[in-house]
């Protein structure tokens, strides 16, 4: 079954690449006009970002007493990014891969779920922290647009849902169960109205509530671990932001600190709230509009946004494709338990 799933993911990757070959070509061409020293600096800063991103997940696993070495966590993080993009699962494939990878290496499934949910919650909250200063710059400059405000509201709603679910799982499991039962009923009603009926398993709400309560109890024992996990996320975004500055310098566009914050905020915002995986088709356009509002020429804005997108998304995408076979989920040989 895993072999079939692996080849299904590979086929999805081939189709995805075929559909975006023009974007990759634009990225390759944009590299030709960049100053190589700053470009290498941007790649190095992105490498640090991904190490810190993996460290965020490692920290979350430590909160639930399931330590994981970086040699396992880093490939899983890259492979999860890749899986999220090429599988039509609304972003569920990546977390599922990280959980399964941990289980294949001997982790307790409930603890793996708790750690992954904690890391995801910190990532969403970290996004809000990273995006807020840039949107404030846009607001003070009179350049903020309604779609940016809506995007931030969507992000805040996602963060609120994660925090509310955690609190309810700890303090009021019955309320959480009632909400989940209502969601299941609403989903079935909506699917019937659309003439594509779905059936939610009768015990779905009960099982989800039970799992959520167990996960929340594990995480709540270590509040300092939650803070540490969030610190790794925010530190990672600082290096990601620095990579955008390095890319602007590579094209000899001198951005002020406020302009860097603004361009980065809009790009990251639509990276996370886009209905398309990893903000495909939206991140670049949003960043281009923001950079041109700060007097970058259209060609220069396209070059900066395309290069940032290439280094922050396409390079990790190809790394994730290679790392898929290294993870515990798809390793050629069954991994040794740790």
Foldseek 3Di string as FASTA:
>chain_A
DLVVVLVLLVVLVVVVCVVCVVLVVLLVVLVVLFAVVLLVLLLVLLVLLLLLLLVLLQLLLVLLPQHDDSVFSSLLQLLLLLSLARDPPQSPSSLVSQLVLSVLQPDDSLSSNLSSLLLVLLLLVLLLVLQVLLQVLCVVVVNDDPVLVVLSVLSVVVNVVSVVLLCCLAPPLPVQLVVVVVVQVVQQVVCVVVVNGDHDDPCVSVVVSVSSNVSSVSNVVCPVSSVVSSVSSNVSVVSLLVSLCSLLVRNPNDDDPNLSSNLSSQLSSCLPRPSHHSNPPHSLVRSLVSVVVVVDDSVSSNSSSSNSCCSNPVVSNVSSSVSPCVGCSNDPDRDHHD
